[in-house]
């Protein structure tokens, strides 16, 4: 992770694991949560921009990290504890910040990357960006606060289709779905221009606008808990390991549905 601060108090957060297309490792998630918690106390920051170095914004969660057996006890604890999980916090912490947060996407914005972008207030994308709610490909369910961040942004039927199919779609479709706000040939430039415009307004009025709109789509903690419970079921279920195999061999067949 890398951060830069302009003389107009606009802070840019760069995801910077270019060799992994900025896939989110556990260490990276902890850094992002720590930064957001720190930013919540910085009253002079007028806007935050999140972008990715290299060829992609974020290609999702780092599966090599996620699938390590040594992490299983930690994963179980995250899913059963009553508060938001580590995976939910890394996205929703940006939604909770007292200043506007703008996501700038390019290359790939997949899985965890898309859930991170959705938790931002505004999303600008390069035309070449590829998007997907990718979790179903790996036998998983989106569990990083999608029930909060997508509410009021994406229609329920569209969200179900994208989550069930794990289909990859382009920036034009993403804009049609409501997932991104604007397509730009230079989204980082336009994000800074937007941040500069926001900085001409009262920071308290900007904060109030963010809070009241978010309140329109607030969900109970039980909804976030459902994300965690279903992910835990899938992780220990019979079809999860088959999904991993099917990603490499389309001939693999799933077992009958295990859960009801």
Protein backbone atom coordinates (compact mmCIF):
# COMPACT_ATOMS: atom_id res chain seq x y z
CA UNK A 1 0.00 0.00 0.00
CA UNK A 2 1.17 3.52 -0.79
CA UNK A 3 -0.36 6.90 0.07
CA UNK A 4 0.12 10.38 -1.36
CA UNK A 5 -1.33 13.69 -0.10
CA UNK A 6 -1.81 16.78 -2.26
CA UNK A 7 -1.52 20.36 -1.08
CA UNK A 8 -5.33 20.54 -1.30
CA UNK A 9 -5.64 17.74 1.31
CA UNK A 10 -6.77 15.04 -1.08
CA UNK A 11 -5.26 11.71 -0.06
CA UNK A 12 -4.70 8.96 -2.62
CA UNK A 13 -4.41 5.35 -1.47
CA UNK A 14 -2.59 3.09 -3.93
CA UNK A 15 -3.01 -0.67 -3.83
CA UNK A 16 0.53 -1.74 -4.67
CA UNK A 17 1.00 -5.49 -5.17
CA UNK A 18 1.54 -5.24 -8.89
CA UNK A 19 2.91 -8.78 -9.20
CA UNK A 20 -0.44 -10.05 -7.86
CA UNK A 21 -2.64 -7.56 -9.76
CA UNK A 22 -3.23 -5.99 -6.31
CA UNK A 23 -5.01 -9.06 -4.94
CA UNK A 24 -5.86 -8.49 -1.29
CA UNK A 25 -3.72 -10.48 1.13
CA UNK A 26 -4.54 -10.60 4.84
CA UNK A 27 -1.63 -8.23 5.54
CA UNK A 28 -2.91 -5.79 2.92
CA UNK A 29 -6.44 -5.91 4.36
CA UNK A 30 -5.11 -5.13 7.83
CA UNK A 31 -3.14 -2.17 6.44
CA UNK A 32 -6.22 -0.78 4.71
CA UNK A 33 -8.37 -1.08 7.83
CA UNK A 34 -5.67 0.58 9.92
CA UNK A 35 -5.40 3.43 7.41
CA UNK A 36 -9.15 3.99 7.35
CA UNK A 37 -9.30 4.04 11.15
CA UNK A 38 -6.49 6.60 11.16
CA UNK A 39 -8.12 8.74 8.47
CA UNK A 40 -11.32 8.91 10.50
CA UNK A 41 -9.44 11.19 12.93
CA UNK A 42 -7.91 13.49 10.26
CA UNK A 43 -10.28 16.45 10.07
CA UNK A 44 -8.31 18.29 7.38
CA UNK A 45 -8.49 15.55 4.69
CA UNK A 46 -11.16 16.64 2.21
CA UNK A 47 -11.41 13.50 0.06
CA UNK A 48 -9.83 10.08 -0.40
CA UNK A 49 -9.11 8.40 -3.73
CA UNK A 50 -8.39 4.66 -3.94
CA UNK A 51 -6.55 3.41 -7.01
CA UNK A 52 -4.29 0.56 -8.06
CA UNK A 53 -0.72 0.58 -9.31
CA UNK A 54 0.22 -1.52 -12.30
CA UNK A 55 -2.15 -3.24 -14.70
CA UNK A 56 -5.20 -3.61 -12.43
CA UNK A 57 -7.19 -1.98 -9.68
CA UNK A 58 -7.68 -5.25 -7.77
CA UNK A 59 -8.06 -8.81 -8.99
CA UNK A 60 -9.84 -9.98 -5.83
CA UNK A 61 -8.72 -11.72 -2.68
CA UNK A 62 -5.37 -13.48 -2.69
CA UNK A 63 -6.49 -17.11 -2.95
CA UNK A 64 -3.00 -18.38 -2.13
CA UNK A 65 -3.31 -16.58 1.20
CA UNK A 66 -6.94 -17.56 1.78
CA UNK A 67 -6.39 -21.26 1.12
CA UNK A 68 -3.48 -21.77 3.52
CA UNK A 69 -4.45 -24.30 6.19
CA UNK A 70 -2.77 -22.23 8.90
CA UNK A 71 -5.43 -19.58 8.41
CA UNK A 72 -8.41 -21.89 9.03
CA UNK A 73 -8.73 -21.14 12.79
CA UNK A 74 -8.66 -17.41 12.09
CA UNK A 75 -11.25 -17.77 9.33
CA UNK A 76 -13.58 -19.75 11.59
CA UNK A 77 -13.32 -17.07 14.28
CA UNK A 78 -14.05 -14.31 11.79
CA UNK A 79 -17.19 -16.07 10.60
CA UNK A 80 -18.66 -16.91 14.02
CA UNK A 81 -17.95 -13.72 15.96
CA UNK A 82 -20.95 -11.37 16.31
CA UNK A 83 -19.21 -8.27 14.94
CA UNK A 84 -18.19 -7.51 11.34
CA UNK A 85 -15.52 -9.81 9.95
CA UNK A 86 -12.09 -8.80 8.79
CA UNK A 87 -13.33 -9.15 5.21
CA UNK A 88 -16.34 -6.90 5.77
CA UNK A 89 -14.37 -4.25 7.62
CA UNK A 90 -11.80 -3.79 4.84
CA UNK A 91 -14.60 -2.64 2.53
CA UNK A 92 -17.16 -1.02 4.80
CA UNK A 93 -14.60 1.07 6.70
CA UNK A 94 -14.38 3.35 3.63
CA UNK A 95 -18.14 3.75 3.56
CA UNK A 96 -18.00 4.89 7.18
CA UNK A 97 -15.29 7.53 6.74
CA UNK A 98 -16.35 11.16 7.36
CA UNK A 99 -15.05 12.32 3.97
CA UNK A 100 -15.98 11.26 0.42
CA UNK A 101 -14.11 8.26 -0.98
CA UNK A 102 -13.65 7.85 -4.75
CA UNK A 103 -12.60 4.55 -6.32
CA UNK A 104 -10.64 4.66 -9.59
CA UNK A 105 -10.70 1.34 -11.41
CA UNK A 106 -8.80 0.01 -14.41
CA UNK A 107 -7.68 -3.33 -15.77
CA UNK A 108 -9.47 -5.72 -13.40
CA UNK A 109 -11.94 -5.07 -10.61
CA UNK A 110 -12.95 -8.55 -9.50
CA UNK A 111 -14.44 -10.18 -6.41
CA UNK A 112 -13.03 -8.46 -3.34
CA UNK A 113 -11.87 -5.60 -5.55
CA UNK A 114 -15.41 -4.96 -6.76
CA UNK A 115 -16.77 -5.11 -3.21
CA UNK A 116 -14.11 -2.60 -2.13
CA UNK A 117 -15.05 -0.27 -4.98
CA UNK A 118 -18.77 -0.58 -4.21
CA UNK A 119 -18.14 0.51 -0.63
CA UNK A 120 -16.69 3.79 -1.93
CA UNK A 121 -19.00 6.74 -2.46
CA UNK A 122 -18.24 7.31 -6.15
CA UNK A 123 -16.58 5.07 -8.75
CA UNK A 124 -14.73 6.22 -11.87
CA UNK A 125 -13.47 3.64 -14.33
CA UNK A 126 -11.22 3.37 -17.34
CA UNK A 127 -13.00 1.97 -20.41
CA UNK A 128 -10.82 -1.16 -20.41
CA UNK A 129 -11.76 -2.33 -16.92
CA UNK A 130 -13.20 -5.81 -16.48
CA UNK A 131 -15.58 -6.44 -13.57
CA UNK A 132 -17.03 -9.51 -11.87
CA UNK A 133 -18.58 -10.66 -8.63
CA UNK A 134 -16.22 -13.59 -8.88
CA UNK A 135 -16.85 -15.59 -5.70
CA UNK A 136 -19.23 -18.19 -7.20
CA UNK A 137 -16.44 -19.36 -9.52
CA UNK A 138 -14.57 -20.55 -6.43
CA UNK A 139 -17.63 -22.02 -4.74
CA UNK A 140 -18.01 -19.04 -2.41
CA UNK A 141 -20.49 -16.22 -1.78
CA UNK A 142 -19.74 -12.47 -1.66
CA UNK A 143 -19.16 -11.81 2.05
CA UNK A 144 -17.32 -8.49 2.19
CA UNK A 145 -20.27 -6.25 2.97
CA UNK A 146 -21.98 -6.54 -0.41
CA UNK A 147 -25.39 -6.58 1.31
CA UNK A 148 -24.59 -3.06 2.56
CA UNK A 149 -22.56 -1.57 -0.26
CA UNK A 150 -24.66 -2.76 -3.22
CA UNK A 151 -28.01 -1.80 -1.67
CA UNK A 152 -29.44 1.12 -3.59
CA UNK A 153 -26.65 0.87 -6.17
CA UNK A 154 -27.48 -2.31 -8.10
CA UNK A 155 -30.96 -3.73 -8.73
CA UNK A 156 -31.61 -6.95 -6.82
CA UNK A 157 -32.27 -9.03 -9.95
CA UNK A 158 -29.08 -7.78 -11.62
CA UNK A 159 -27.08 -8.37 -8.45
CA UNK A 160 -28.38 -11.95 -8.16
CA UNK A 161 -27.52 -12.70 -11.79
CA UNK A 162 -23.99 -11.33 -11.45
CA UNK A 163 -23.36 -13.06 -8.12
CA UNK A 164 -24.75 -16.42 -9.28
CA UNK A 165 -22.94 -16.51 -12.63
CA UNK A 166 -19.60 -14.86 -11.70
CA UNK A 167 -19.83 -13.42 -15.22
CA UNK A 168 -17.13 -10.96 -16.31
CA UNK A 169 -18.51 -7.71 -17.74
CA UNK A 170 -17.03 -4.50 -19.13
CA UNK A 171 -17.16 -0.89 -17.99
CA UNK A 172 -20.11 -0.02 -20.23
CA UNK A 173 -22.20 -2.79 -18.66
CA UNK A 174 -20.96 -1.79 -15.20
CA UNK A 175 -22.24 1.73 -15.79
CA UNK A 176 -25.58 0.41 -17.07
CA UNK A 177 -25.88 -1.72 -13.92
CA UNK A 178 -25.14 1.29 -11.71
CA UNK A 179 -21.90 -0.22 -10.43
CA UNK A 180 -19.73 2.64 -11.66
CA UNK A 181 -20.56 6.33 -11.75
CA UNK A 182 -18.54 7.49 -14.75
CA UNK A 183 -16.32 6.06 -17.50
CA UNK A 184 -13.27 8.16 -18.25
CA UNK A 185 -10.21 7.93 -20.47
CA UNK A 186 -8.25 9.33 -17.53
CA UNK A 187 -10.23 8.39 -14.40
CA UNK A 188 -7.49 9.38 -11.94
CA UNK A 189 -7.32 12.89 -13.40
CA UNK A 190 -11.10 13.18 -13.24
CA UNK A 191 -11.15 11.81 -9.69
CA UNK A 192 -8.77 14.55 -8.60
CA UNK A 193 -10.90 17.14 -10.41
CA UNK A 194 -13.99 15.85 -8.59
CA UNK A 195 -12.15 15.86 -5.26
CA UNK A 196 -11.11 19.47 -5.90
CA UNK A 197 -14.73 20.38 -6.60
CA UNK A 198 -15.87 18.67 -3.39
CA UNK A 199 -13.19 20.60 -1.49
CA UNK A 200 -14.91 23.88 -2.44
CA UNK A 201 -17.91 22.89 -0.29
CA UNK A 202 -18.25 22.89 3.46
CA UNK A 203 -16.69 19.66 4.74
CA UNK A 204 -19.55 19.38 7.22
CA UNK A 205 -22.15 19.65 4.46
CA UNK A 206 -20.29 17.01 2.43
CA UNK A 207 -20.18 14.73 5.47
CA UNK A 208 -23.88 15.26 6.18
CA UNK A 209 -24.78 14.43 2.57
CA UNK A 210 -22.83 11.18 2.80
CA UNK A 211 -24.39 10.23 6.13
CA UNK A 212 -28.03 10.90 5.21
CA UNK A 213 -27.79 9.07 1.88
CA UNK A 214 -26.08 6.10 3.54
CA UNK A 215 -28.84 6.08 6.15
CA UNK A 216 -31.40 5.51 3.39
CA UNK A 217 -29.83 2.11 2.73
CA UNK A 218 -28.68 1.03 6.18
CA UNK A 219 -28.94 -2.68 6.92
CA UNK A 220 -29.10 -4.45 10.25
CA UNK A 221 -26.11 -6.33 11.62
CA UNK A 222 -28.06 -9.55 11.00
CA UNK A 223 -27.68 -9.10 7.24
CA UNK A 224 -23.89 -8.94 7.53
CA UNK A 225 -24.07 -11.98 9.81
CA UNK A 226 -25.86 -13.90 7.04
CA UNK A 227 -22.92 -13.22 4.71
CA UNK A 228 -20.55 -14.79 7.23
CA UNK A 229 -22.71 -17.81 8.07
CA UNK A 230 -23.23 -18.72 4.42
CA UNK A 231 -19.54 -18.33 3.64
CA UNK A 232 -18.65 -20.65 6.51
CA UNK A 233 -21.15 -23.25 5.23
CA UNK A 234 -19.70 -23.08 1.74
CA UNK A 235 -16.11 -23.33 2.92
CA UNK A 236 -16.81 -26.61 4.73
CA UNK A 237 -19.30 -27.88 2.16
CA UNK A 238 -18.82 -30.64 -0.39
CA UNK A 239 -19.05 -28.52 -3.53
CA UNK A 240 -16.41 -25.93 -2.56
CA UNK A 241 -13.44 -28.17 -3.41
CA UNK A 242 -15.17 -29.21 -6.64
CA UNK A 243 -15.56 -25.55 -7.63
CA UNK A 244 -11.79 -25.12 -7.33
CA UNK A 245 -11.26 -28.13 -9.59
CA UNK A 246 -13.93 -27.01 -12.06
CA UNK A 247 -12.14 -23.69 -12.52
CA UNK A 248 -9.36 -25.71 -14.21
CA UNK A 249 -11.40 -28.60 -15.62
CA UNK A 250 -14.90 -27.88 -16.95
CA UNK A 251 -15.68 -31.60 -16.98
CA UNK A 252 -15.85 -31.68 -13.18
CA UNK A 253 -19.41 -32.27 -11.97
CA UNK A 254 -20.92 -30.79 -8.83
CA UNK A 255 -22.68 -32.91 -6.25
CA UNK A 256 -26.40 -32.29 -5.53
CA UNK A 257 -27.16 -29.18 -3.50
CA UNK A 258 -26.10 -29.75 0.10
CA UNK A 259 -27.89 -26.88 1.85
CA UNK A 260 -31.46 -25.64 1.86
